[in-house]
Every structure is written in structure tokens, then in C-alpha cells.
Amino acid sequence: MTGGGGEEGELQLLGAWMSPWVIRVKVALQMKGLSYEYIEEDLQHKSDLLLGSNPVHKKVPVLIHDGRPVCESLVVLEYVDEAWAGAGTPLLPADPHDRAVARFWATYVNDTFFPSWRPLFRATTAEQRAEAYEKVLPQVETLERALTECSKGKAFFGGDAVGIVDLALGSFVVWIRAVDEFGGTSLLDEARVPGLAAWAERFMAVDAVEEVMPEAVRIMEHYKGFLAKLAAPAASS
């Protein structure tokens, strides 16, 4: 149930259990104390509901509030924060400049960090992995500096509590760890990015995160299956 700031209404979330973009929305809904119906999508055979709710991108997550869809995870996070402003912890700062800075870094995670990390995620050989790892390190070091700027010495990008930047980056932590474990890399290395390394531990220990975050072993199994399919065409050629 919501703690105020607008009626909850009927809520549905269309998602895929392993998706970082869906995970961040699930955590936000948990933080706000909102009840919703979760509908798992088969992304190989997308439902009419998904295609009709997000006809432009045809992707998850989609939050449907009283029959009206909201698409794109960062947009959904802001919608949830505004529609249920009186519930739970605010996801965006009150100060306009701080809010703009938070939006900038959340967008950086989507538009800069993720495209830089994706080759490491998809690497199937040691050579590919080593090259991709070196290329993503500057973005991780930039996020280390962003944590200092946004947190102002507190526990999270959002200050004392998890905010939109924490959700944007934190939804990748379980995946970053799986890729590192599989490939022998260490993206959140305590020696290189001590702030981010400690932040990741704090984020994963937040109650709302623990409630919805997929188990690491399940993510690893999915990742191994993904890499096997990715490597199969190369092996058969």
C-alpha cells in the first residue's frame, strides 16, 4: 500500500526477471510500498499487451497505471516518484540543481556506462574480455567521482537514502558481479574505486533491494546460457 501522495489505483508491471531496467523499477515500487501485478514477458514472443503498451520500442519495463502505460525505466522512476510523492523515500532531490545533476548521472549510466560495459558482458574469449575491460574502466572511474559529487559524503548517490542514480547503477551490480566472476575481472575493485566498491555492498544490503533482486546463482546460470548461445555460431562456422 502507498503511504500517501496520490491514489495507488491499479498497477501492472510488464517485465523480464533478469533485466536491470526492470529490476530498478521493482526496487522503486518496493521503496514506495506500492502493490502491483507483475507480468513476466517472454521477450522472444512478446505479448499483445506489451506491444500495445509500448508500440515504439516494444521493450520492458512498462508500468501500467489505471490502464495508462508509462515506458522507459528512467521515465518510469520519475513517474513513480511524482505520482506517489508522499510515499516512501523521494527518488529525486528537492533542490532543482541537485535534481538536474541526478538526472544527468542516471542518464550517464544508461547512455555511457552501459554501452561501454556491454562488450565485456558479451565477450566470449579472454582476448575480447581483456580489451573490453580496459575500455570500460574510465567510465567506472568517472562514476567513482560522480558518487563523491552526488553523495556529499553520505552513503548513497541519493545522500542518506537510495535515489534515482543508485537505482540506475545498482540494478547492474548483480550482473557486474556475475560477469566479473565468470571472466576473472574486477570492475568494482576496492583498490581502484573504493567508494563504488563500498557503495555496491551498501546498496545490495538495502531491504527493498534484497526483496526483489534476483539471486546471484540464477543470474550466473542465465549468463552462462547466454554466452553459450553467443559462442555457438562461431564454433560451428
Foldseek 3Di string as FASTA:
>chain_A
DAPDQADLAAKEWEEAQLDLLSLLLLLLCVQRVHDYHYDYADLVDGDPVLCVQCVPPSHDTWMAGNNHIDDDSLRSSVVSCNNRVVGGDRQADPDPVLRVLLVVLLVCLVPPLCVLQVQCLQDLDLVSNVVSLVRNLVVLLVVLVCCCVQQVPAQGSVHPDHHSNCSSVLSCLLVVVLSCVVNVHDNCDCVRRVNVVSSNVVSCPDPSSVVRRDDSVVSNVVSVVVNCVSCVVVVVD
